[in-house]
Structures are given as C-alpha cells and as structure tokens.
Amino acid sequence: MAAPGPALVPPIEVAFPSLAAYAAGNCDIPYAWTFAAGRAGPHVLVQALTHGNEVCGAIALDWVLRERLRPARGTLSVVFANVAAYERFDPGDPFASRCIDEDFNRLWSADVLAGSRDSTELRRARELRPLYDRVDHLLDLHSMSDPCPPLAMAGRQRKGLALAQALGFPQYVVIDGGHSAGRRLRDYAFFDDAADPRSALLVECGQHWEAAAHEVAKQSVLRWLRHFEMAEPRLLEAHLPRVSVRPQRLIEVTTTITIASDKFAFTLPVHGLQTIPRAGTVYAIDGGRELRTPHDDCVLIMPTRRPKRGETAVRLGSYVG
C-alpha cells in the first residue's frame, strides 16, 4: 500500500501575543512570575511554551497576567519556557519553531540536567529547574500538530490520573509513560514518584493554531486554580462556563512506537484518537519492517506528522474503565 501524501498545514487562526512585557520576570528568572497570597496554600505553577510553536498556553498566560489574576491562597507561578523558539515563529514554516537545538520536554532526568551537554534548551531548563523544585503541583499547557480532541496526559502514577479526574477536563485522559527519547517535565523527579504528594499534569489543548485551543488552555488554568481553591469565586463566575462536561474517557497506552530508521511512513491516513478495529492491521512501515496493531480496537494517540529517527511515531492504546 502506498504511503499517504503529506498532510496540509492547518491554518493559523490566532494572533501570537508579544511577551516583551514579561521578559524581566519577578523571581530572578526571565519570563517567570510568582505571586504569593497572604493565606497559606500550595505552590502551583502553570507553564506555556514548552515548545515554541504551542501558542495556546502563551495566550492563556498572557490573559492571566494582563488580568492581574492573583491566587486566593498559596503561591501561583506562571512560566513562559522556550521563548527563544517562540520568537522565531515563522507563519511560512510554522512547525520549525518547536525548538532551537533540541526538545525542551525530553531533558528532565538528573543525568541530562547535571551533565556536560549544552544547548539553548538545556540552559533554559537549568535556569528554571530551581523554580520547579519549589512547586507542589505543575500544569504544562501543550498543543498538537494535527486536529485532535484535547487530551490530559496523566503519566503512569495514580496521582496523575487522580489529578486529571479532579479537574474533570478535558474529556480524554491518557495514562502513559512518556517517550524513549527523554523524560518529560511532567515526569520529572518527584512528579513521577508514587510516594511523593507533588504532582504534574500535561494538557494537550488541541491543534497548535486553532482558535479553540487557547480557550481550552484558559479553561484548564481556571479549573486548575479552582481545584486547589486558589481562584476567587467571582473569577470563576465570570470566566468558567456553566455547561455540562462529558464524562471522561481513559485511554491506557499499551505500546509506544519509537522510529528506528530514516524510512518511516504510515501506510494509511491516520489521525489522533483514530481506532483501528482489528489486531494485526498494518498501519506503518519502518525501514521495511511492517508495524501492526497489537490488539483489537487499537487507539492511535498523536501520530507524528514529521517522522524522525529516535522519536515517537505514535502511541497505541486501549480505552479502559
């Protein structure tokens, strides 16, 4: 079967906010802001721009800062992570600004952070690490290359799933262990320790540049603050829609497919949350090796549009519960 042709680039439906006003930060780290309430509570952090072309989180945090949103208790930190990549965004080549040198979200193991390697992303990770080490709970706002319903990536620990279910949003929750290419921030250190109460959640808000994605990011922030009792009731009344939310559906990752060659291609058109009914169906070829679905009702989670050796091609999963 011939491989499908290249996917069309989705339209850019949103304006990219200027972050110049936030460059200085207020906690000795550029583009990082921390606000403490007079009442005791947890330290929670919301992050945007883990990848430079994921603008939805930047729009949401720009709104948080422009509205002077402050925590009702505890401490709230907001971070624009890979601003260097964001500032290189070119609508003529919109996928190119994901990173400068390497993926910021594959660096979060002690050996990498404390090692001798150097890159733009590693320098930024080391700069931000002391702030991450101080927080109790972290929300990492992402988006996806292709249209797909929003996803909460809960990690492999029960506390991550409990956090996603406490927010009740978005509808789809993925139980997964990350990527072989490197550890994600949401799996950093204590966030991935079952015995540690500190937790993290990653939300994929939709396609990178669709208008709906930044609203998902904003609603995620509001629900996050509501869960930790850090949002004033009038803020929630004004900005959190009173609509019924569909029951969440859990997808457990059964296999993560890492690209092994420079000749990887899907053999059928694929899209996020696509279900392939029958086990043994060929869905891709990697260096001449056929890849087949390992079980019936196999869910494709975020298939890549830009295959690269050593990176994740797709995660395969099953609906559970």
C-alpha atoms as a PDB file:
ATOM      1  CA  MET A   1       0.000   0.000   0.000  1.00  0.00           C
ATOM      2  CA  ALA A   2       1.378   3.420  -0.877  1.00  0.00           C
ATOM      3  CA  ALA A   3       2.037   5.828   1.927  1.00  0.00           C
ATOM      4  CA  PRO A   4      -0.335   8.793   2.107  1.00  0.00           C
ATOM      5  CA  GLY A   5       0.894  12.152   0.872  1.00  0.00           C
ATOM      6  CA  PRO A   6       1.979  14.949   3.208  1.00  0.00           C
ATOM      7  CA  ALA A   7      -0.713  16.493   5.365  1.00  0.00           C
ATOM      8  CA  LEU A   8      -1.825  20.032   4.710  1.00  0.00           C
ATOM      9  CA  VAL A   9      -0.585  22.653   7.160  1.00  0.00           C
ATOM     10  CA  PRO A  10      -3.515  23.699   9.391  1.00  0.00           C
ATOM     11  CA  PRO A  11      -4.476  27.385   9.179  1.00  0.00           C
ATOM     12  CA  ILE A  12      -3.195  29.861  11.746  1.00  0.00           C
ATOM     13  CA  GLU A  13      -6.354  31.245  13.339  1.00  0.00           C
ATOM     14  CA  VAL A  14      -4.871  33.193  16.260  1.00  0.00           C
ATOM     15  CA  ALA A  15      -2.537  36.127  16.854  1.00  0.00           C
ATOM     16  CA  PHE A  16       0.705  35.458  18.688  1.00  0.00           C
ATOM     17  CA  PRO A  17       0.988  37.767  21.709  1.00  0.00           C
ATOM     18  CA  SER A  18       4.132  39.768  22.367  1.00  0.00           C
ATOM     19  CA  LEU A  19       5.864  38.590  25.534  1.00  0.00           C
ATOM     20  CA  ALA A  20       8.212  41.575  25.827  1.00  0.00           C
ATOM     21  CA  ALA A  21       6.403  42.938  28.884  1.00  0.00           C
ATOM     22  CA  TYR A  22       7.096  39.697  30.760  1.00  0.00           C
ATOM     23  CA  ALA A  23      10.787  39.344  29.956  1.00  0.00           C
ATOM     24  CA  ALA A  24      12.146  40.543  33.303  1.00  0.00           C
ATOM     25  CA  GLY A  25      10.037  38.185  35.437  1.00  0.00           C
ATOM     26  CA  ASN A  26       9.779  38.899  39.150  1.00  0.00           C
ATOM     27  CA  CYS A  27      11.619  35.930  40.687  1.00  0.00           C
ATOM     28  CA  ASP A  28      15.122  36.366  39.223  1.00  0.00           C
ATOM     29  CA  ILE A  29      14.276  34.164  36.223  1.00  0.00           C
ATOM     30  CA  PRO A  30      13.372  35.725  32.850  1.00  0.00           C
ATOM     31  CA  TYR A  31       9.775  35.167  31.750  1.00  0.00           C
ATOM     32  CA  ALA A  32       8.844  33.616  35.118  1.00  0.00           C
ATOM     33  CA  TRP A  33       6.434  35.276  37.535  1.00  0.00           C
ATOM     34  CA  THR A  34       5.471  34.266  41.077  1.00  0.00           C
ATOM     35  CA  PHE A  35       2.628  35.679  43.187  1.00  0.00           C
ATOM     36  CA  ALA A  36       2.010  34.783  46.826  1.00  0.00           C
ATOM     37  CA  ALA A  37      -1.256  35.233  48.718  1.00  0.00           C
ATOM     38  CA  GLY A  38      -1.491  36.228  52.363  1.00  0.00           C
ATOM     39  CA  ARG A  39      -3.146  32.905  53.168  1.00  0.00           C
ATOM     40  CA  ALA A  40      -1.318  29.591  53.295  1.00  0.00           C
ATOM     41  CA  GLY A  41      -1.755  27.107  50.479  1.00  0.00           C
ATOM     42  CA  PRO A  42       0.105  25.094  47.850  1.00  0.00           C
ATOM     43  CA  HIS A  43       2.610  26.442  45.349  1.00  0.00           C
ATOM     44  CA  VAL A  44       1.234  25.712  41.884  1.00  0.00           C
ATOM     45  CA  LEU A  45       2.848  26.505  38.550  1.00  0.00           C
ATOM     46  CA  VAL A  46       1.309  26.878  35.097  1.00  0.00           C
ATOM     47  CA  GLN A  47       3.643  26.684  32.122  1.00  0.00           C
ATOM     48  CA  ALA A  48       3.327  27.687  28.478  1.00  0.00           C
ATOM     49  CA  LEU A  49       5.691  27.338  25.523  1.00  0.00           C
ATOM     50  CA  THR A  50       7.425  24.135  26.477  1.00  0.00           C
ATOM     51  CA  HIS A  51       7.560  24.048  22.686  1.00  0.00           C
ATOM     52  CA  GLY A  52       7.885  27.331  20.859  1.00  0.00           C
ATOM     53  CA  ASN A  53       5.027  26.913  18.387  1.00  0.00           C
ATOM     54  CA  GLU A  54       2.401  25.932  21.001  1.00  0.00           C
ATOM     55  CA  VAL A  55       0.839  29.362  21.276  1.00  0.00           C
ATOM     56  CA  CYS A  56      -2.374  28.436  23.143  1.00  0.00           C
ATOM     57  CA  GLY A  57      -0.638  28.398  26.518  1.00  0.00           C
ATOM     58  CA  ALA A  58       1.040  31.727  25.823  1.00  0.00           C
ATOM     59  CA  ILE A  59      -2.347  33.282  25.029  1.00  0.00           C
ATOM     60  CA  ALA A  60      -3.810  31.884  28.268  1.00  0.00           C
ATOM     61  CA  LEU A  61      -0.936  33.101  30.450  1.00  0.00           C
ATOM     62  CA  ASP A  62      -0.888  36.475  28.713  1.00  0.00           C
ATOM     63  CA  TRP A  63      -4.548  36.735  29.786  1.00  0.00           C
ATOM     64  CA  VAL A  64      -3.671  35.702  33.369  1.00  0.00           C
ATOM     65  CA  LEU A  65      -1.016  38.406  33.623  1.00  0.00           C
ATOM     66  CA  ARG A  66      -2.975  41.147  31.856  1.00  0.00           C
ATOM     67  CA  GLU A  67      -5.977  40.467  34.114  1.00  0.00           C
ATOM     68  CA  ARG A  68      -3.679  40.591  37.158  1.00  0.00           C
ATOM     69  CA  LEU A  69      -5.046  37.277  38.354  1.00  0.00           C
ATOM     70  CA  ARG A  70      -3.728  36.511  41.825  1.00  0.00           C
ATOM     71  CA  PRO A  71      -4.105  33.405  43.989  1.00  0.00           C
ATOM     72  CA  ALA A  72      -6.697  33.444  46.781  1.00  0.00           C
ATOM     73  CA  ARG A  73      -4.274  31.353  48.839  1.00  0.00           C
ATOM     74  CA  GLY A  74      -0.841  29.829  48.426  1.00  0.00           C
ATOM     75  CA  THR A  75       1.513  30.750  45.594  1.00  0.00           C
ATOM     76  CA  LEU A  76       0.969  30.881  41.847  1.00  0.00           C
ATOM     77  CA  SER A  77       3.856  30.825  39.369  1.00  0.00           C
ATOM     78  CA  VAL A  78       3.493  31.293  35.614  1.00  0.00           C
ATOM     79  CA  VAL A  79       6.298  30.454  33.199  1.00  0.00           C
ATOM     80  CA  PHE A  80       6.915  31.022  29.510  1.00  0.00           C
ATOM     81  CA  ALA A  81       9.505  28.312  28.896  1.00  0.00           C
ATOM     82  CA  ASN A  82      11.070  28.214  25.427  1.00  0.00           C
ATOM     83  CA  VAL A  83      10.657  31.855  24.466  1.00  0.00           C
ATOM     84  CA  ALA A  84      13.722  31.735  22.214  1.00  0.00           C
ATOM     85  CA  ALA A  85      11.947  29.255  19.933  1.00  0.00           C
ATOM     86  CA  TYR A  86       8.642  31.132  20.170  1.00  0.00           C
ATOM     87  CA  GLU A  87      10.273  34.346  18.979  1.00  0.00           C
ATOM     88  CA  ARG A  88      11.483  32.590  15.828  1.00  0.00           C
ATOM     89  CA  PHE A  89       7.956  31.629  14.766  1.00  0.00           C
ATOM     90  CA  ASP A  90       7.510  31.989  11.010  1.00  0.00           C
ATOM     91  CA  PRO A  91       3.984  31.502   9.620  1.00  0.00           C
ATOM     92  CA  GLY A  92       5.612  30.412   6.371  1.00  0.00           C
ATOM     93  CA  ASP A  93       7.227  27.445   8.188  1.00  0.00           C
ATOM     94  CA  PRO A  94       5.111  27.136  11.317  1.00  0.00           C
ATOM     95  CA  PHE A  95       6.394  23.788  12.598  1.00  0.00           C
ATOM     96  CA  ALA A  96      10.038  24.897  12.607  1.00  0.00           C
ATOM     97  CA  SER A  97       9.892  26.876  15.862  1.00  0.00           C
ATOM     98  CA  ARG A  98       9.139  23.881  18.082  1.00  0.00           C
ATOM     99  CA  CYS A  99      12.670  24.209  19.491  1.00  0.00           C
ATOM    100  CA  ILE A 100      16.063  25.778  18.843  1.00  0.00           C
ATOM    101  CA  ASP A 101      18.563  22.943  19.391  1.00  0.00           C
ATOM    102  CA  GLU A 102      16.581  20.108  20.971  1.00  0.00           C
ATOM    103  CA  ASP A 103      13.287  19.252  22.614  1.00  0.00           C
ATOM    104  CA  PHE A 104      12.890  21.060  25.958  1.00  0.00           C
ATOM    105  CA  ASN A 105      10.482  18.302  27.013  1.00  0.00           C
ATOM    106  CA  ARG A 106      12.994  15.440  26.756  1.00  0.00           C
ATOM    107  CA  LEU A 107      15.588  16.777  29.205  1.00  0.00           C
ATOM    108  CA  TRP A 108      14.086  16.067  32.612  1.00  0.00           C
ATOM    109  CA  SER A 109      16.369  13.450  34.141  1.00  0.00           C
ATOM    110  CA  ALA A 110      19.154  14.171  36.608  1.00  0.00           C
ATOM    111  CA  ASP A 111      21.911  12.826  34.359  1.00  0.00           C
ATOM    112  CA  VAL A 112      20.943  15.145  31.496  1.00  0.00           C
ATOM    113  CA  LEU A 113      20.361  18.234  33.634  1.00  0.00           C
ATOM    114  CA  ALA A 114      23.624  17.802  35.557  1.00  0.00           C
ATOM    115  CA  GLY A 115      25.660  16.500  32.602  1.00  0.00           C
ATOM    116  CA  SER A 116      28.167  18.184  30.324  1.00  0.00           C
ATOM    117  CA  ARG A 117      25.897  18.661  27.303  1.00  0.00           C
ATOM    118  CA  ASP A 118      24.946  22.165  26.261  1.00  0.00           C
ATOM    119  CA  SER A 119      22.089  23.581  24.199  1.00  0.00           C
ATOM    120  CA  THR A 120      19.707  26.531  24.245  1.00  0.00           C
ATOM    121  CA  GLU A 121      17.012  24.331  25.767  1.00  0.00           C
ATOM    122  CA  LEU A 122      19.309  22.808  28.377  1.00  0.00           C
ATOM    123  CA  ARG A 123      20.457  26.233  29.544  1.00  0.00           C
ATOM    124  CA  ARG A 124      16.831  27.290  29.920  1.00  0.00           C
ATOM    125  CA  ALA A 125      15.946  24.050  31.725  1.00  0.00           C
ATOM    126  CA  ARG A 126      18.780  24.553  34.193  1.00  0.00           C
ATOM    127  CA  GLU A 127      17.679  28.145  34.726  1.00  0.00           C
ATOM    128  CA  LEU A 128      14.109  27.079  35.516  1.00  0.00           C
ATOM    129  CA  ARG A 129      14.888  23.932  37.496  1.00  0.00           C
ATOM    130  CA  PRO A 130      15.175  25.653  40.908  1.00  0.00           C
ATOM    131  CA  LEU A 131      11.664  27.052  40.466  1.00  0.00           C
ATOM    132  CA  TYR A 132      10.231  23.657  39.513  1.00  0.00           C
ATOM    133  CA  ASP A 133      11.926  22.180  42.570  1.00  0.00           C
ATOM    134  CA  ARG A 134       9.933  24.552  44.795  1.00  0.00           C
ATOM    135  CA  VAL A 135       6.456  23.849  43.446  1.00  0.00           C
ATOM    136  CA  ASP A 136       3.878  21.366  44.677  1.00  0.00           C
ATOM    137  CA  HIS A 137       1.830  20.964  41.503  1.00  0.00           C
ATOM    138  CA  LEU A 138       2.568  21.789  37.852  1.00  0.00           C
ATOM    139  CA  LEU A 139       0.257  22.244  34.865  1.00  0.00           C
ATOM    140  CA  ASP A 140       2.036  22.104  31.489  1.00  0.00           C
ATOM    141  CA  LEU A 141      -0.009  23.501  28.580  1.00  0.00           C
ATOM    142  CA  HIS A 142       0.721  21.983  25.171  1.00  0.00           C
ATOM    143  CA  SER A 143      -0.935  21.615  21.780  1.00  0.00           C
ATOM    144  CA  MET A 144      -0.762  19.198  18.844  1.00  0.00           C
ATOM    145  CA  SER A 145       0.364  19.253  15.234  1.00  0.00           C
ATOM    146  CA  ASP A 146      -2.920  17.993  13.842  1.00  0.00           C
ATOM    147  CA  PRO A 147      -6.570  18.433  14.820  1.00  0.00           C
ATOM    148  CA  CYS A 148      -7.464  16.175  17.741  1.00  0.00           C
ATOM    149  CA  PRO A 149      -9.755  16.422  20.775  1.00  0.00           C
ATOM    150  CA  PRO A 150      -7.903  17.821  23.810  1.00  0.00           C
ATOM    151  CA  LEU A 151      -6.031  15.273  25.930  1.00  0.00           C
ATOM    152  CA  ALA A 152      -4.844  15.180  29.528  1.00  0.00           C
ATOM    153  CA  MET A 153      -1.559  13.275  29.724  1.00  0.00           C
ATOM    154  CA  ALA A 154      -1.649  11.833  33.243  1.00  0.00           C
ATOM    155  CA  GLY A 155       1.609   9.885  33.308  1.00  0.00           C
ATOM    156  CA  ARG A 156       1.964   6.462  34.843  1.00  0.00           C
ATOM    157  CA  GLN A 157       1.317   7.205  38.536  1.00  0.00           C
ATOM    158  CA  ARG A 158      -2.110   7.017  40.123  1.00  0.00           C
ATOM    159  CA  LYS A 159      -1.751  10.576  41.467  1.00  0.00           C
ATOM    160  CA  GLY A 160      -1.546  11.942  37.910  1.00  0.00           C
ATOM    161  CA  LEU A 161      -4.767  10.204  36.969  1.00  0.00           C
ATOM    162  CA  ALA A 162      -6.415  11.429  40.182  1.00  0.00           C
ATOM    163  CA  LEU A 163      -5.389  14.992  39.319  1.00  0.00           C
ATOM    164  CA  ALA A 164      -6.828  14.754  35.796  1.00  0.00           C
ATOM    165  CA  GLN A 165     -10.068  13.319  37.160  1.00  0.00           C
ATOM    166  CA  ALA A 166     -10.289  16.010  39.848  1.00  0.00           C
ATOM    167  CA  LEU A 167     -10.184  18.669  37.137  1.00  0.00           C
ATOM    168  CA  GLY A 168     -12.786  16.714  35.163  1.00  0.00           C
ATOM    169  CA  PHE A 169     -11.384  18.199  31.985  1.00  0.00           C
ATOM    170  CA  PRO A 170     -10.609  17.551  29.192  1.00  0.00           C
ATOM    171  CA  GLN A 171     -12.758  14.587  28.223  1.00  0.00           C
ATOM    172  CA  TYR A 172      -9.920  12.255  27.185  1.00  0.00           C
ATOM    173  CA  VAL A 173      -7.254  11.211  29.709  1.00  0.00           C
ATOM    174  CA  VAL A 174      -4.181   9.270  28.581  1.00  0.00           C
ATOM    175  CA  ILE A 175      -2.314   7.041  31.035  1.00  0.00           C
ATOM    176  CA  ASP A 176       1.206   6.837  29.671  1.00  0.00           C
ATOM    177  CA  GLY A 177       4.897   6.592  30.479  1.00  0.00           C
ATOM    178  CA  GLY A 178       6.328   9.244  28.174  1.00  0.00           C
ATOM    179  CA  HIS A 179       8.949   8.868  25.426  1.00  0.00           C
ATOM    180  CA  SER A 180      12.096   6.793  24.970  1.00  0.00           C
ATOM    181  CA  ALA A 181      13.881   9.881  23.575  1.00  0.00           C
ATOM    182  CA  GLY A 182      13.934  11.502  27.024  1.00  0.00           C
ATOM    183  CA  ARG A 183      11.956  12.346  30.135  1.00  0.00           C
ATOM    184  CA  ARG A 184       9.195  14.954  30.039  1.00  0.00           C
ATOM    185  CA  LEU A 185       8.874  17.743  32.582  1.00  0.00           C
ATOM    186  CA  ARG A 186       5.599  16.260  33.828  1.00  0.00           C
ATOM    187  CA  ASP A 187       7.619  13.112  34.751  1.00  0.00           C
ATOM    188  CA  TYR A 188      10.490  14.994  36.378  1.00  0.00           C
ATOM    189  CA  ALA A 189      11.838  13.617  39.679  1.00  0.00           C
ATOM    190  CA  PHE A 190       9.195  13.800  42.438  1.00  0.00           C
ATOM    191  CA  PHE A 191       6.336  14.279  39.954  1.00  0.00           C
ATOM    192  CA  ASP A 192       6.865  10.630  38.911  1.00  0.00           C
ATOM    193  CA  ASP A 193       7.406   9.303  42.454  1.00  0.00           C
ATOM    194  CA  ALA A 194       4.318   7.461  43.689  1.00  0.00           C
ATOM    195  CA  ALA A 195       5.277   8.130  47.314  1.00  0.00           C
ATOM    196  CA  ASP A 196       5.618  11.906  46.847  1.00  0.00           C
ATOM    197  CA  PRO A 197       2.462  14.069  47.023  1.00  0.00           C
ATOM    198  CA  ARG A 198       3.744  16.564  44.449  1.00  0.00           C
ATOM    199  CA  SER A 199       2.096  16.076  41.065  1.00  0.00           C
ATOM    200  CA  ALA A 200       2.010  17.289  37.478  1.00  0.00           C
ATOM    201  CA  LEU A 201      -0.392  17.211  34.565  1.00  0.00           C
ATOM    202  CA  LEU A 202       0.170  17.891  30.865  1.00  0.00           C
ATOM    203  CA  VAL A 203      -2.793  19.073  28.793  1.00  0.00           C
ATOM    204  CA  GLU A 204      -2.755  18.920  25.002  1.00  0.00           C
ATOM    205  CA  CYS A 205      -5.263  21.664  24.213  1.00  0.00           C
ATOM    206  CA  GLY A 206      -5.950  20.964  20.533  1.00  0.00           C
ATOM    207  CA  GLN A 207      -4.237  21.826  17.260  1.00  0.00           C
ATOM    208  CA  HIS A 208      -1.457  24.406  17.683  1.00  0.00           C
ATOM    209  CA  TRP A 209      -3.104  27.345  15.958  1.00  0.00           C
ATOM    210  CA  GLU A 210      -6.825  26.657  16.039  1.00  0.00           C
ATOM    211  CA  ALA A 211      -8.939  29.272  17.794  1.00  0.00           C
ATOM    212  CA  ALA A 212     -10.475  26.726  20.158  1.00  0.00           C
ATOM    213  CA  ALA A 213      -7.147  25.622  21.659  1.00  0.00           C
ATOM    214  CA  HIS A 214      -6.430  28.759  23.679  1.00  0.00           C
ATOM    215  CA  GLU A 215      -9.901  28.585  25.202  1.00  0.00           C
ATOM    216  CA  VAL A 216      -9.136  25.016  26.311  1.00  0.00           C
ATOM    217  CA  ALA A 217      -5.887  26.322  27.812  1.00  0.00           C
ATOM    218  CA  LYS A 218      -7.722  29.102  29.654  1.00  0.00           C
ATOM    219  CA  GLN A 219     -10.375  26.707  30.974  1.00  0.00           C
ATOM    220  CA  SER A 220      -7.629  24.332  32.099  1.00  0.00           C
ATOM    221  CA  VAL A 221      -5.985  27.118  34.109  1.00  0.00           C
ATOM    222  CA  LEU A 222      -9.278  28.129  35.714  1.00  0.00           C
ATOM    223  CA  ARG A 223     -10.181  24.541  36.625  1.00  0.00           C
ATOM    224  CA  TRP A 224      -6.651  24.044  37.952  1.00  0.00           C
ATOM    225  CA  LEU A 225      -6.968  27.032  40.270  1.00  0.00           C
ATOM    226  CA  ARG A 226     -10.477  26.025  41.299  1.00  0.00           C
ATOM    227  CA  HIS A 227      -9.282  22.534  42.232  1.00  0.00           C
ATOM    228  CA  PHE A 228      -6.601  23.955  44.516  1.00  0.00           C
ATOM    229  CA  GLU A 229      -9.052  26.527  45.961  1.00  0.00           C
ATOM    230  CA  MET A 230      -6.881  29.350  44.660  1.00  0.00           C
ATOM    231  CA  ALA A 231      -9.409  31.174  42.454  1.00  0.00           C
ATOM    232  CA  GLU A 232     -11.785  33.864  43.682  1.00  0.00           C
ATOM    233  CA  PRO A 233     -15.443  32.823  43.159  1.00  0.00           C
ATOM    234  CA  ARG A 234     -16.178  35.930  41.101  1.00  0.00           C
ATOM    235  CA  LEU A 235     -13.382  34.988  38.675  1.00  0.00           C
ATOM    236  CA  LEU A 236     -14.885  31.544  38.154  1.00  0.00           C
ATOM    237  CA  GLU A 237     -18.379  33.015  37.812  1.00  0.00           C
ATOM    238  CA  ALA A 238     -17.185  35.375  35.107  1.00  0.00           C
ATOM    239  CA  HIS A 239     -14.982  33.056  33.063  1.00  0.00           C
ATOM    240  CA  LEU A 240     -15.823  29.388  33.690  1.00  0.00           C
ATOM    241  CA  PRO A 241     -18.792  28.387  31.536  1.00  0.00           C
ATOM    242  CA  ARG A 242     -21.727  26.709  33.241  1.00  0.00           C
ATOM    243  CA  VAL A 243     -22.023  23.830  30.831  1.00  0.00           C
ATOM    244  CA  SER A 244     -22.265  20.123  31.407  1.00  0.00           C
ATOM    245  CA  VAL A 245     -18.966  18.341  30.808  1.00  0.00           C
ATOM    246  CA  ARG A 246     -18.925  14.958  29.131  1.00  0.00           C
ATOM    247  CA  PRO A 247     -17.732  12.070  31.325  1.00  0.00           C
ATOM    248  CA  GLN A 248     -14.031  11.493  30.964  1.00  0.00           C
ATOM    249  CA  ARG A 249     -12.741   8.549  28.964  1.00  0.00           C
ATOM    250  CA  LEU A 250      -9.473   6.865  29.943  1.00  0.00           C
ATOM    251  CA  ILE A 251      -7.003   5.555  27.382  1.00  0.00           C
ATOM    252  CA  GLU A 252      -4.119   3.426  28.619  1.00  0.00           C
ATOM    253  CA  VAL A 253      -1.035   3.331  26.423  1.00  0.00           C
ATOM    254  CA  THR A 254      -0.091  -0.257  25.580  1.00  0.00           C
ATOM    255  CA  THR A 255       2.819   0.407  23.202  1.00  0.00           C
ATOM    256  CA  THR A 256       4.992   3.416  22.348  1.00  0.00           C
ATOM    257  CA  ILE A 257       6.414   3.223  18.832  1.00  0.00           C
ATOM    258  CA  THR A 258       9.871   4.777  18.509  1.00  0.00           C
ATOM    259  CA  ILE A 259      11.089   5.395  14.962  1.00  0.00           C
ATOM    260  CA  ALA A 260      14.056   3.129  14.206  1.00  0.00           C
ATOM    261  CA  SER A 261      15.053   4.243  10.696  1.00  0.00           C
ATOM    262  CA  ASP A 262      15.072   7.161   8.305  1.00  0.00           C
ATOM    263  CA  LYS A 263      12.422   5.391   6.220  1.00  0.00           C
ATOM    264  CA  PHE A 264       9.338   5.502   8.398  1.00  0.00           C
ATOM    265  CA  ALA A 265       5.893   6.100   6.906  1.00  0.00           C
ATOM    266  CA  PHE A 266       2.307   5.440   7.847  1.00  0.00           C
ATOM    267  CA  THR A 267       0.609   3.191   5.294  1.00  0.00           C
ATOM    268  CA  LEU A 268      -2.878   4.588   5.803  1.00  0.00           C
ATOM    269  CA  PRO A 269      -4.266   8.014   6.636  1.00  0.00           C
ATOM    270  CA  VAL A 270      -4.051   8.457  10.408  1.00  0.00           C
ATOM    271  CA  HIS A 271      -5.374  10.974  12.904  1.00  0.00           C
ATOM    272  CA  GLY A 272      -5.461  11.459  16.652  1.00  0.00           C
ATOM    273  CA  LEU A 273      -7.731   9.067  18.602  1.00  0.00           C
ATOM    274  CA  GLN A 274      -8.384   7.022  15.488  1.00  0.00           C
ATOM    275  CA  THR A 275      -9.416   3.468  16.414  1.00  0.00           C
ATOM    276  CA  ILE A 276      -8.252   0.555  14.263  1.00  0.00           C
ATOM    277  CA  PRO A 277     -10.710  -2.291  14.922  1.00  0.00           C
ATOM    278  CA  ARG A 278      -8.627  -5.382  14.185  1.00  0.00           C
ATOM    279  CA  ALA A 279      -5.379  -6.672  15.645  1.00  0.00           C
ATOM    280  CA  GLY A 280      -2.681  -7.329  13.065  1.00  0.00           C
ATOM    281  CA  THR A 281      -3.595  -4.399  10.810  1.00  0.00           C
ATOM    282  CA  VAL A 282      -0.545  -2.870   9.129  1.00  0.00           C
ATOM    283  CA  TYR A 283      -0.500   0.857   9.869  1.00  0.00           C
ATOM    284  CA  ALA A 284       3.135   1.840   9.166  1.00  0.00           C
ATOM    285  CA  ILE A 285       6.458   0.674   7.718  1.00  0.00           C
ATOM    286  CA  ASP A 286       9.770   1.440   9.419  1.00  0.00           C
ATOM    287  CA  GLY A 287      12.844   0.632   7.339  1.00  0.00           C
ATOM    288  CA  GLY A 288      10.988  -2.107   5.516  1.00  0.00           C
ATOM    289  CA  ARG A 289       9.508  -3.622   8.697  1.00  0.00           C
ATOM    290  CA  GLU A 290       5.742  -3.714   8.873  1.00  0.00           C
ATOM    291  CA  LEU A 291       4.170  -2.339  12.044  1.00  0.00           C
ATOM    292  CA  ARG A 292       0.872  -3.956  13.014  1.00  0.00           C
ATOM    293  CA  THR A 293      -1.723  -3.163  15.637  1.00  0.00           C
ATOM    294  CA  PRO A 294      -1.070  -5.358  18.690  1.00  0.00           C
ATOM    295  CA  HIS A 295      -4.711  -5.732  19.739  1.00  0.00           C
ATOM    296  CA  ASP A 296      -8.276  -5.084  18.634  1.00  0.00           C
ATOM    297  CA  ASP A 297      -9.741  -1.578  18.994  1.00  0.00           C
ATOM    298  CA  CYS A 298      -6.286  -0.029  18.952  1.00  0.00           C
ATOM    299  CA  VAL A 299      -6.321   3.744  19.558  1.00  0.00           C
ATOM    300  CA  LEU A 300      -3.720   5.905  17.802  1.00  0.00           C
ATOM    301  CA  ILE A 301      -2.560   8.701  20.109  1.00  0.00           C
ATOM    302  CA  MET A 302      -0.927  11.730  18.487  1.00  0.00           C
ATOM    303  CA  PRO A 303       0.645  10.165  15.366  1.00  0.00           C
ATOM    304  CA  THR A 304       3.554  12.302  14.220  1.00  0.00           C
ATOM    305  CA  ARG A 305       3.439  14.298  11.000  1.00  0.00           C
ATOM    306  CA  ARG A 306       7.241  14.759  10.933  1.00  0.00           C
ATOM    307  CA  PRO A 307       8.925  11.368  11.428  1.00  0.00           C
ATOM    308  CA  LYS A 308      12.447  11.438  12.825  1.00  0.00           C
ATOM    309  CA  ARG A 309      14.628   8.546  13.889  1.00  0.00           C
ATOM    310  CA  GLY A 310      14.715   8.081  17.667  1.00  0.00           C
ATOM    311  CA  GLU A 311      11.497   9.996  18.287  1.00  0.00           C
ATOM    312  CA  THR A 312       7.993   8.761  18.980  1.00  0.00           C
ATOM    313  CA  ALA A 313       5.937   7.905  15.897  1.00  0.00           C
ATOM    314  CA  VAL A 314       2.704   7.174  17.732  1.00  0.00           C
ATOM    315  CA  ARG A 315       1.443   5.721  20.992  1.00  0.00           C
ATOM    316  CA  LEU A 316      -1.029   2.862  20.820  1.00  0.00           C
ATOM    317  CA  GLY A 317      -3.636   2.387  23.481  1.00  0.00           C
ATOM    318  CA  SER A 318      -6.938   0.944  24.633  1.00  0.00           C
ATOM    319  CA  TYR A 319      -9.967   2.511  26.266  1.00  0.00           C
ATOM    320  CA  VAL A 320     -10.262   1.349  29.885  1.00  0.00           C
ATOM    321  CA  GLY A 321     -12.795   1.629  32.665  1.00  0.00           C
END
